[in-house]
Each structure stands twice: as C-alpha cells, then as structure tokens.
Amino acid sequence: MHHLEQELDRCQLTMIDLESMVTQDSYARLVDCFVNSLPMDQLGFALATHGTTGRPPYHPSVLLKLYMYGYRHGLRSSNKLHQACSVNVEVWWLLKGLKPSPRTICYFRKHNAKAFKKAFQYFVLMLRAMITIPAPQEAQCIPTEGGTTKTDTFLSTTRPGHVRDVG
C-alpha cells in the first residue's frame, strides 16, 4: 500500500534546512537567545586553553546551551547530552551541528560549577520578568490531626534559604 506522502530514499542525499525544522516557539530558540545575551566572562565561565596542536576548545556558550536545553528535557548525564547531539534536531540547530564528546561535556560542568549557578539564577530571574513562572508563594498553614501543620513539616525538610539562593 502506498502512503499519501512520498517516502525518502535513505541512500539519496537530501538537503535539509534546520531553521525550518525548529518551530518559532521552541525552547531551543529561547535558550539560544538567552545564552547569547549573557556576559559569559562576568559569570566566570573559563575558556579552556589548548596547546599549539590539536583542535581548539568549544566556546563556553555552546556547552552552556547544551546543558540548559538538557536540563529542561531531563538529560542530565554527559552521555545522554552527547547522544542528543546526534539524534535531536533542536540540539543540532542549537549547537550549529557541533557534537562535543561526553568527556568534554563532563569537564565543562566540573570546571564551571559556580558559573552554572549564576547563569541559572539569571535564567530564573528572566523567566520571572517575562511572567512565565510565578515567584515563590508563602505556604499556607493547614492543621492536621497530629497537632502539626503541613507548613511546619515542609519547612523542616527543606534547606533554609533555598528560595533566597535562586532569586
């Protein structure tokens, strides 16, 4: 049975346009715009150095884009992020076809931990300014039968000041 659309021949060279394959409201476009607007040197992202031989290192903004995209889509490990560089069209568009190795991805996270925290703080503040996510709200006290409130239980199990650290 023939399909209504023509199937592609896998052995034929096909020209594709990544720009048209990524929708205008894609999260990848938001990440790209945001990371390009960040002051990378002020946040503390270290540019990797290399010797006179070998390939030059990836720019920190490329790897930060990969991490921010992966964070949203549940890709936390370096191997999963590397795999996404090969199979995910949005990641192809976001990284302009670059495919960093899992080791490169891992070392970038290790050497820029403090800068990551600052970048994600900027991101949360930007989303709040755009009214995409609400600011943290005060918890309401709901009495339970045991004499404690759900607020008391909640506050005793979380790290004090966690909301202050984010925003």
N, C-alpha and C. Protein backbone atom coordinates (compact mmCIF):
# COMPACT_ATOMS: atom_id res chain seq x y z
N MET A 1 0.84 -1.17 0.00
CA MET A 1 0.00 0.00 0.00
C MET A 1 0.89 1.24 0.00
N HIS A 2 0.57 2.21 -0.82
CA HIS A 2 1.34 3.43 -0.91
C HIS A 2 0.79 4.47 0.06
N HIS A 3 1.70 5.22 0.63
CA HIS A 3 1.30 6.30 1.53
C HIS A 3 0.99 7.54 0.72
N LEU A 4 0.27 8.45 1.33
CA LEU A 4 -0.07 9.69 0.65
C LEU A 4 1.17 10.55 0.41
N GLU A 5 2.11 10.50 1.32
CA GLU A 5 3.35 11.26 1.17
C GLU A 5 4.43 10.36 0.60
N GLN A 6 5.32 10.94 -0.14
CA GLN A 6 6.42 10.19 -0.73
C GLN A 6 7.46 9.88 0.34
N GLU A 7 7.87 8.63 0.44
CA GLU A 7 8.91 8.26 1.38
C GLU A 7 10.27 8.68 0.84
N LEU A 8 11.19 8.96 1.74
CA LEU A 8 12.54 9.35 1.33
C LEU A 8 13.38 8.11 1.09
N ASP A 9 14.21 8.18 0.10
CA ASP A 9 15.17 7.11 -0.15
C ASP A 9 16.34 7.33 0.79
N ARG A 10 16.65 6.37 1.63
CA ARG A 10 17.72 6.52 2.63
C ARG A 10 19.10 6.64 2.00
N CYS A 11 19.26 6.17 0.80
CA CYS A 11 20.57 6.21 0.14
C CYS A 11 20.77 7.49 -0.66
N GLN A 12 19.75 8.31 -0.76
CA GLN A 12 19.83 9.52 -1.56
C GLN A 12 20.23 10.70 -0.67
N LEU A 13 21.08 11.54 -1.19
CA LEU A 13 21.49 12.75 -0.49
C LEU A 13 20.30 13.71 -0.43
N THR A 14 19.97 14.16 0.76
CA THR A 14 18.83 15.05 0.94
C THR A 14 19.30 16.33 1.60
N MET A 15 18.90 17.45 1.06
CA MET A 15 19.24 18.74 1.64
C MET A 15 18.14 19.12 2.64
N ILE A 16 18.54 19.49 3.85
CA ILE A 16 17.57 19.88 4.85
C ILE A 16 17.91 21.27 5.37
N ASP A 17 16.91 21.94 5.87
CA ASP A 17 17.06 23.28 6.43
C ASP A 17 16.69 23.19 7.91
N LEU A 18 17.69 23.26 8.79
CA LEU A 18 17.41 23.13 10.22
C LEU A 18 16.54 24.27 10.73
N GLU A 19 16.68 25.44 10.14
CA GLU A 19 15.90 26.61 10.59
C GLU A 19 14.41 26.34 10.46
N SER A 20 14.00 25.70 9.40
CA SER A 20 12.57 25.42 9.20
C SER A 20 12.10 24.22 10.01
N MET A 21 13.02 23.39 10.49
CA MET A 21 12.64 22.21 11.26
C MET A 21 12.42 22.53 12.74
N VAL A 22 12.90 23.67 13.20
CA VAL A 22 12.74 24.09 14.60
C VAL A 22 11.66 25.17 14.64
N THR A 23 10.59 24.91 15.36
CA THR A 23 9.48 25.85 15.41
C THR A 23 9.88 27.17 16.06
N GLN A 24 9.13 28.21 15.76
CA GLN A 24 9.43 29.53 16.29
C GLN A 24 9.26 29.62 17.80
N ASP A 25 8.39 28.80 18.38
CA ASP A 25 8.17 28.84 19.83
C ASP A 25 8.93 27.73 20.55
N SER A 26 9.96 27.22 19.94
CA SER A 26 10.76 26.14 20.53
C SER A 26 11.57 26.64 21.72
N TYR A 27 11.74 25.77 22.70
CA TYR A 27 12.56 26.09 23.87
C TYR A 27 14.02 26.31 23.45
N ALA A 28 14.46 25.64 22.41
CA ALA A 28 15.83 25.80 21.93
C ALA A 28 16.09 27.24 21.50
N ARG A 29 15.12 27.88 20.90
CA ARG A 29 15.29 29.29 20.49
C ARG A 29 15.40 30.21 21.71
N LEU A 30 14.64 29.92 22.76
CA LEU A 30 14.72 30.70 23.99
C LEU A 30 16.11 30.57 24.61
N VAL A 31 16.61 29.34 24.68
CA VAL A 31 17.93 29.09 25.26
C VAL A 31 19.00 29.78 24.43
N ASP A 32 18.92 29.71 23.12
CA ASP A 32 19.90 30.34 22.24
C ASP A 32 19.94 31.85 22.47
N CYS A 33 18.78 32.46 22.48
CA CYS A 33 18.70 33.92 22.69
C CYS A 33 19.22 34.30 24.07
N PHE A 34 18.84 33.54 25.08
CA PHE A 34 19.26 33.86 26.45
C PHE A 34 20.76 33.73 26.62
N VAL A 35 21.35 32.62 26.19
CA VAL A 35 22.79 32.40 26.39
C VAL A 35 23.60 33.41 25.59
N ASN A 36 23.12 33.78 24.41
CA ASN A 36 23.84 34.78 23.62
C ASN A 36 23.83 36.15 24.29
N SER A 37 22.86 36.40 25.15
CA SER A 37 22.79 37.70 25.84
C SER A 37 23.56 37.73 27.16
N LEU A 38 24.04 36.58 27.62
CA LEU A 38 24.74 36.52 28.91
C LEU A 38 26.17 37.08 28.81
N PRO A 39 26.62 37.76 29.86
CA PRO A 39 28.02 38.17 29.93
C PRO A 39 28.87 37.00 30.44
N MET A 40 29.28 36.12 29.54
CA MET A 40 29.94 34.86 29.92
C MET A 40 31.18 35.08 30.79
N ASP A 41 31.99 36.07 30.48
CA ASP A 41 33.22 36.30 31.25
C ASP A 41 32.90 36.82 32.66
N GLN A 42 31.86 37.63 32.80
CA GLN A 42 31.48 38.14 34.11
C GLN A 42 30.88 37.05 35.00
N LEU A 43 30.26 36.07 34.39
CA LEU A 43 29.69 34.97 35.17
C LEU A 43 30.77 34.01 35.66
N GLY A 44 31.92 34.05 35.04
CA GLY A 44 33.02 33.20 35.50
C GLY A 44 33.27 31.96 34.67
N PHE A 45 32.70 31.89 33.48
CA PHE A 45 32.96 30.73 32.62
C PHE A 45 34.38 30.81 32.11
N ALA A 46 35.12 29.75 32.34
CA ALA A 46 36.53 29.71 31.94
C ALA A 46 36.65 29.21 30.51
N LEU A 47 37.42 29.94 29.72
CA LEU A 47 37.72 29.47 28.38
C LEU A 47 38.81 28.42 28.49
N ALA A 48 38.57 27.26 27.94
CA ALA A 48 39.57 26.20 28.00
C ALA A 48 40.78 26.59 27.15
N THR A 49 41.94 26.25 27.65
CA THR A 49 43.16 26.53 26.90
C THR A 49 43.64 25.25 26.23
N HIS A 50 44.37 25.43 25.17
CA HIS A 50 44.92 24.28 24.49
C HIS A 50 46.32 24.61 23.98
N GLY A 51 47.06 23.59 23.68
CA GLY A 51 48.42 23.77 23.18
C GLY A 51 48.42 24.24 21.74
N THR A 52 49.59 24.20 21.16
CA THR A 52 49.71 24.67 19.78
C THR A 52 49.15 23.66 18.79
N THR A 53 49.02 22.42 19.22
CA THR A 53 48.47 21.41 18.32
C THR A 53 47.09 20.99 18.80
N GLY A 54 46.35 20.35 17.95
CA GLY A 54 45.02 19.88 18.32
C GLY A 54 43.93 20.86 17.95
N ARG A 55 42.71 20.41 18.16
CA ARG A 55 41.57 21.26 17.83
C ARG A 55 41.38 22.32 18.91
N PRO A 56 40.87 23.48 18.54
CA PRO A 56 40.56 24.49 19.56
C PRO A 56 39.37 24.04 20.41
N PRO A 57 39.28 24.52 21.65
CA PRO A 57 38.18 24.10 22.53
C PRO A 57 36.86 24.72 22.11
N TYR A 58 35.77 24.14 22.60
CA TYR A 58 34.45 24.70 22.36
C TYR A 58 34.28 25.97 23.18
N HIS A 59 33.55 26.91 22.63
CA HIS A 59 33.25 28.13 23.39
C HIS A 59 32.29 27.76 24.52
N PRO A 60 32.45 28.36 25.71
CA PRO A 60 31.57 28.02 26.83
C PRO A 60 30.08 28.21 26.53
N SER A 61 29.73 29.16 25.67
CA SER A 61 28.31 29.37 25.38
C SER A 61 27.70 28.17 24.66
N VAL A 62 28.48 27.48 23.85
CA VAL A 62 27.97 26.29 23.15
C VAL A 62 27.60 25.21 24.17
N LEU A 63 28.49 24.96 25.10
CA LEU A 63 28.24 23.91 26.10
C LEU A 63 27.16 24.33 27.10
N LEU A 64 27.08 25.61 27.42
CA LEU A 64 26.01 26.08 28.31
C LEU A 64 24.65 25.91 27.65
N LYS A 65 24.55 26.19 26.36
CA LYS A 65 23.30 25.97 25.63
C LYS A 65 22.88 24.50 25.71
N LEU A 66 23.85 23.63 25.53
CA LEU A 66 23.56 22.19 25.60
C LEU A 66 23.04 21.81 26.99
N TYR A 67 23.69 22.32 28.04
CA TYR A 67 23.25 22.00 29.41
C TYR A 67 21.87 22.55 29.71
N MET A 68 21.60 23.79 29.31
CA MET A 68 20.30 24.39 29.61
C MET A 68 19.19 23.66 28.86
N TYR A 69 19.45 23.27 27.64
CA TYR A 69 18.45 22.50 26.89
C TYR A 69 18.25 21.14 27.54
N GLY A 70 19.34 20.49 27.89
CA GLY A 70 19.25 19.18 28.51
C GLY A 70 18.56 19.21 29.86
N TYR A 71 18.79 20.27 30.63
CA TYR A 71 18.16 20.39 31.95
C TYR A 71 16.64 20.41 31.82
N ARG A 72 16.15 21.13 30.85
CA ARG A 72 14.70 21.25 30.63
C ARG A 72 14.09 19.92 30.17
N HIS A 73 14.85 19.14 29.42
CA HIS A 73 14.34 17.91 28.84
C HIS A 73 14.79 16.65 29.59
N GLY A 74 15.33 16.81 30.79
CA GLY A 74 15.67 15.67 31.63
C GLY A 74 16.92 14.93 31.20
N LEU A 75 17.79 15.59 30.46
CA LEU A 75 19.05 14.98 30.02
C LEU A 75 20.15 15.51 30.93
N ARG A 76 20.51 14.75 31.96
CA ARG A 76 21.47 15.24 32.94
C ARG A 76 22.88 14.69 32.71
N SER A 77 23.00 13.46 32.26
CA SER A 77 24.32 12.85 32.14
C SER A 77 25.03 13.32 30.87
N SER A 78 26.33 13.29 30.91
CA SER A 78 27.13 13.71 29.76
C SER A 78 26.88 12.80 28.57
N ASN A 79 26.69 11.51 28.82
CA ASN A 79 26.44 10.59 27.72
C ASN A 79 25.10 10.85 27.04
N LYS A 80 24.07 11.16 27.82
CA LYS A 80 22.77 11.46 27.24
C LYS A 80 22.79 12.77 26.46
N LEU A 81 23.53 13.75 26.97
CA LEU A 81 23.66 15.01 26.24
C LEU A 81 24.41 14.80 24.92
N HIS A 82 25.45 13.97 24.95
CA HIS A 82 26.19 13.66 23.74
C HIS A 82 25.29 12.94 22.73
N GLN A 83 24.49 12.02 23.20
CA GLN A 83 23.56 11.29 22.33
C GLN A 83 22.55 12.24 21.70
N ALA A 84 22.07 13.22 22.47
CA ALA A 84 21.11 14.19 21.94
C ALA A 84 21.73 15.01 20.81
N CYS A 85 23.03 15.24 20.87
CA CYS A 85 23.71 15.99 19.80
C CYS A 85 23.65 15.25 18.47
N SER A 86 23.46 13.95 18.52
CA SER A 86 23.42 13.15 17.29
C SER A 86 22.01 12.89 16.78
N VAL A 87 21.01 12.88 17.66
CA VAL A 87 19.68 12.46 17.24
C VAL A 87 18.60 13.54 17.34
N ASN A 88 18.83 14.61 18.07
CA ASN A 88 17.80 15.62 18.30
C ASN A 88 18.00 16.81 17.36
N VAL A 89 17.01 17.08 16.52
CA VAL A 89 17.11 18.16 15.54
C VAL A 89 17.23 19.51 16.22
N GLU A 90 16.52 19.73 17.32
CA GLU A 90 16.63 21.02 18.03
C GLU A 90 18.05 21.24 18.56
N VAL A 91 18.69 20.18 19.03
CA VAL A 91 20.07 20.31 19.52
C VAL A 91 21.02 20.56 18.35
N TRP A 92 20.77 19.93 17.22
CA TRP A 92 21.58 20.23 16.02
C TRP A 92 21.52 21.71 15.72
N TRP A 93 20.30 22.25 15.74
CA TRP A 93 20.11 23.67 15.44
C TRP A 93 20.79 24.53 16.51
N LEU A 94 20.60 24.17 17.76
CA LEU A 94 21.11 24.96 18.88
C LEU A 94 22.63 25.03 18.87
N LEU A 95 23.29 23.91 18.60
CA LEU A 95 24.76 23.85 18.63
C LEU A 95 25.38 24.03 17.25
N LYS A 96 24.55 24.31 16.25
CA LYS A 96 25.02 24.52 14.87
C LYS A 96 25.82 23.32 14.37
N GLY A 97 25.34 22.12 14.72
CA GLY A 97 25.94 20.89 14.23
C GLY A 97 27.14 20.38 15.02
N LEU A 98 27.56 21.08 16.06
CA LEU A 98 28.70 20.62 16.85
C LEU A 98 28.29 19.43 17.72
N LYS A 99 29.21 18.53 17.96
CA LYS A 99 28.93 17.34 18.77
C LYS A 99 30.06 17.12 19.76
N PRO A 100 30.03 17.82 20.90
CA PRO A 100 31.09 17.63 21.90
C PRO A 100 31.05 16.22 22.50
N SER A 101 32.21 15.73 22.86
CA SER A 101 32.31 14.39 23.43
C SER A 101 31.77 14.39 24.87
N PRO A 102 31.40 13.22 25.38
CA PRO A 102 30.93 13.16 26.78
C PRO A 102 31.97 13.66 27.77
N ARG A 103 33.24 13.41 27.48
CA ARG A 103 34.30 13.86 28.38
C ARG A 103 34.39 15.39 28.39
N THR A 104 34.28 16.01 27.24
CA THR A 104 34.29 17.47 27.15
C THR A 104 33.12 18.06 27.93
N ILE A 105 31.96 17.47 27.77
CA ILE A 105 30.76 17.94 28.47
C ILE A 105 30.94 17.81 29.98
N CYS A 106 31.48 16.68 30.41
CA CYS A 106 31.69 16.43 31.84
C CYS A 106 32.68 17.41 32.44
N TYR A 107 33.81 17.64 31.78
CA TYR A 107 34.81 18.57 32.30
C TYR A 107 34.30 20.01 32.32
N PHE A 108 33.48 20.36 31.36
CA PHE A 108 32.91 21.71 31.36
C PHE A 108 32.05 21.92 32.60
N ARG A 109 31.25 20.93 32.94
CA ARG A 109 30.41 21.04 34.14
C ARG A 109 31.28 21.11 35.40
N LYS A 110 32.31 20.29 35.44
CA LYS A 110 33.18 20.23 36.61
C LYS A 110 33.92 21.55 36.84
N HIS A 111 34.41 22.16 35.78
CA HIS A 111 35.26 23.36 35.92
C HIS A 111 34.47 24.66 36.01
N ASN A 112 33.17 24.62 35.78
CA ASN A 112 32.37 25.85 35.77
C ASN A 112 31.16 25.77 36.70
N ALA A 113 31.28 25.08 37.80
CA ALA A 113 30.14 24.86 38.70
C ALA A 113 29.56 26.17 39.23
N LYS A 114 30.41 27.09 39.67
CA LYS A 114 29.91 28.35 40.23
C LYS A 114 29.27 29.21 39.15
N ALA A 115 29.85 29.21 37.96
CA ALA A 115 29.29 29.99 36.87
C ALA A 115 27.93 29.43 36.43
N PHE A 116 27.76 28.11 36.52
CA PHE A 116 26.48 27.50 36.21
C PHE A 116 25.39 28.04 37.12
N LYS A 117 25.70 28.11 38.40
CA LYS A 117 24.71 28.58 39.36
C LYS A 117 24.29 30.01 39.04
N LYS A 118 25.26 30.86 38.71
CA LYS A 118 24.94 32.24 38.36
C LYS A 118 24.10 32.32 37.09
N ALA A 119 24.43 31.51 36.10
CA ALA A 119 23.68 31.52 34.84
C ALA A 119 22.24 31.08 35.05
N PHE A 120 22.03 30.05 35.87
CA PHE A 120 20.67 29.59 36.12
C PHE A 120 19.90 30.61 36.96
N GLN A 121 20.58 31.36 37.83
CA GLN A 121 19.91 32.42 38.57
C GLN A 121 19.42 33.51 37.61
N TYR A 122 20.27 33.88 36.65
CA TYR A 122 19.86 34.84 35.62
C TYR A 122 18.64 34.32 34.87
N PHE A 123 18.65 33.04 34.56
CA PHE A 123 17.57 32.44 33.78
C PHE A 123 16.25 32.49 34.54
N VAL A 124 16.29 32.16 35.82
CA VAL A 124 15.07 32.21 36.64
C VAL A 124 14.57 33.64 36.74
N LEU A 125 15.46 34.59 36.93
CA LEU A 125 15.04 35.99 37.01
C LEU A 125 14.43 36.47 35.69
N MET A 126 15.01 36.04 34.57
CA MET A 126 14.46 36.42 33.28
C MET A 126 13.07 35.83 33.08
N LEU A 127 12.89 34.57 33.45
CA LEU A 127 11.57 33.95 33.30
C LEU A 127 10.54 34.62 34.20
N ARG A 128 10.94 35.02 35.39
CA ARG A 128 10.02 35.74 36.27
C ARG A 128 9.66 37.09 35.68
N ALA A 129 10.62 37.76 35.07
CA ALA A 129 10.36 39.06 34.46
C ALA A 129 9.40 38.92 33.27
N MET A 130 9.47 37.80 32.60
CA MET A 130 8.57 37.54 31.47
C MET A 130 7.23 37.00 31.93
N ILE A 131 7.07 36.81 33.25
CA ILE A 131 5.86 36.26 33.87
C ILE A 131 5.58 34.86 33.34
N THR A 132 6.64 34.12 33.08
CA THR A 132 6.47 32.73 32.66
C THR A 132 6.29 31.84 33.87
N ILE A 133 7.04 32.12 34.95
CA ILE A 133 6.88 31.34 36.17
C ILE A 133 6.58 32.30 37.31
N PRO A 134 5.74 31.89 38.24
CA PRO A 134 5.42 32.78 39.35
C PRO A 134 6.54 32.80 40.39
N ALA A 135 6.57 33.88 41.15
CA ALA A 135 7.51 33.97 42.26
C ALA A 135 7.06 32.99 43.35
N PRO A 136 8.01 32.55 44.19
CA PRO A 136 7.61 31.62 45.25
C PRO A 136 6.57 32.26 46.17
N GLN A 137 5.56 31.49 46.53
CA GLN A 137 4.48 31.99 47.35
C GLN A 137 4.67 31.49 48.77
N GLU A 138 4.09 32.21 49.71
CA GLU A 138 4.13 31.78 51.09
C GLU A 138 3.27 30.53 51.25
N ALA A 139 3.75 29.59 52.02
CA ALA A 139 2.98 28.36 52.26
C ALA A 139 1.85 28.67 53.24
N GLN A 140 0.72 28.04 53.04
CA GLN A 140 -0.41 28.23 53.94
C GLN A 140 -0.38 27.15 55.01
N CYS A 141 -0.77 27.53 56.21
CA CYS A 141 -0.82 26.57 57.32
C CYS A 141 -2.10 25.76 57.22
N ILE A 142 -1.96 24.46 57.15
CA ILE A 142 -3.11 23.57 57.12
C ILE A 142 -2.97 22.62 58.30
N PRO A 143 -3.81 22.77 59.33
CA PRO A 143 -3.67 21.92 60.50
C PRO A 143 -3.99 20.46 60.17
N THR A 144 -3.26 19.57 60.82
CA THR A 144 -3.51 18.13 60.66
C THR A 144 -3.90 17.56 62.01
N GLU A 145 -4.24 16.29 62.04
CA GLU A 145 -4.71 15.68 63.27
C GLU A 145 -3.61 15.56 64.32
N GLY A 146 -2.37 15.47 63.94
CA GLY A 146 -1.29 15.27 64.89
C GLY A 146 -0.88 16.53 65.62
N GLY A 147 -1.47 17.66 65.32
CA GLY A 147 -1.13 18.89 66.01
C GLY A 147 -0.09 19.72 65.25
N THR A 148 0.55 19.15 64.26
CA THR A 148 1.48 19.94 63.47
C THR A 148 0.79 20.40 62.21
N THR A 149 1.37 21.34 61.57
CA THR A 149 0.80 21.81 60.31
C THR A 149 1.65 21.32 59.16
N LYS A 150 1.07 21.29 57.99
CA LYS A 150 1.83 20.88 56.81
C LYS A 150 2.96 21.86 56.52
N THR A 151 2.77 23.12 56.87
CA THR A 151 3.82 24.11 56.68
C THR A 151 5.03 23.77 57.54
N ASP A 152 4.77 23.39 58.81
CA ASP A 152 5.88 23.03 59.69
C ASP A 152 6.66 21.86 59.13
N THR A 153 5.97 20.86 58.64
CA THR A 153 6.63 19.69 58.07
C THR A 153 7.43 20.08 56.84
N PHE A 154 6.85 20.92 55.99
CA PHE A 154 7.52 21.34 54.77
C PHE A 154 8.80 22.11 55.10
N LEU A 155 8.70 23.06 56.01
CA LEU A 155 9.86 23.89 56.31
C LEU A 155 10.96 23.10 57.01
N SER A 156 10.62 22.07 57.75
CA SER A 156 11.66 21.32 58.46
C SER A 156 12.41 20.37 57.52
N THR A 157 11.83 20.04 56.35
CA THR A 157 12.50 19.09 55.45
C THR A 157 13.27 19.77 54.32
N THR A 158 13.11 21.08 54.17
CA THR A 158 13.83 21.77 53.09
C THR A 158 15.01 22.53 53.64
N ARG A 159 15.91 22.85 52.77
CA ARG A 159 17.10 23.61 53.16
C ARG A 159 16.69 25.05 53.41
N PRO A 160 17.04 25.65 54.56
CA PRO A 160 16.66 27.03 54.82
C PRO A 160 17.31 27.96 53.80
N GLY A 161 16.54 28.91 53.32
CA GLY A 161 17.06 29.90 52.40
C GLY A 161 17.15 29.45 50.96
N HIS A 162 16.53 28.30 50.61
CA HIS A 162 16.65 27.82 49.23
C HIS A 162 15.99 28.77 48.24
N VAL A 163 14.92 29.42 48.61
CA VAL A 163 14.26 30.38 47.72
C VAL A 163 15.14 31.61 47.55
N ARG A 164 15.79 32.03 48.62
CA ARG A 164 16.66 33.21 48.56
C ARG A 164 17.84 32.96 47.62
N ASP A 165 18.36 31.73 47.61
CA ASP A 165 19.51 31.41 46.76
C ASP A 165 19.17 31.51 45.29
N VAL A 166 17.94 31.14 44.91
CA VAL A 166 17.55 31.14 43.49
C VAL A 166 17.28 32.55 43.00
N GLY A 167 16.51 33.30 43.72
CA GLY A 167 16.12 34.61 43.20
C GLY A 167 16.52 35.65 44.13
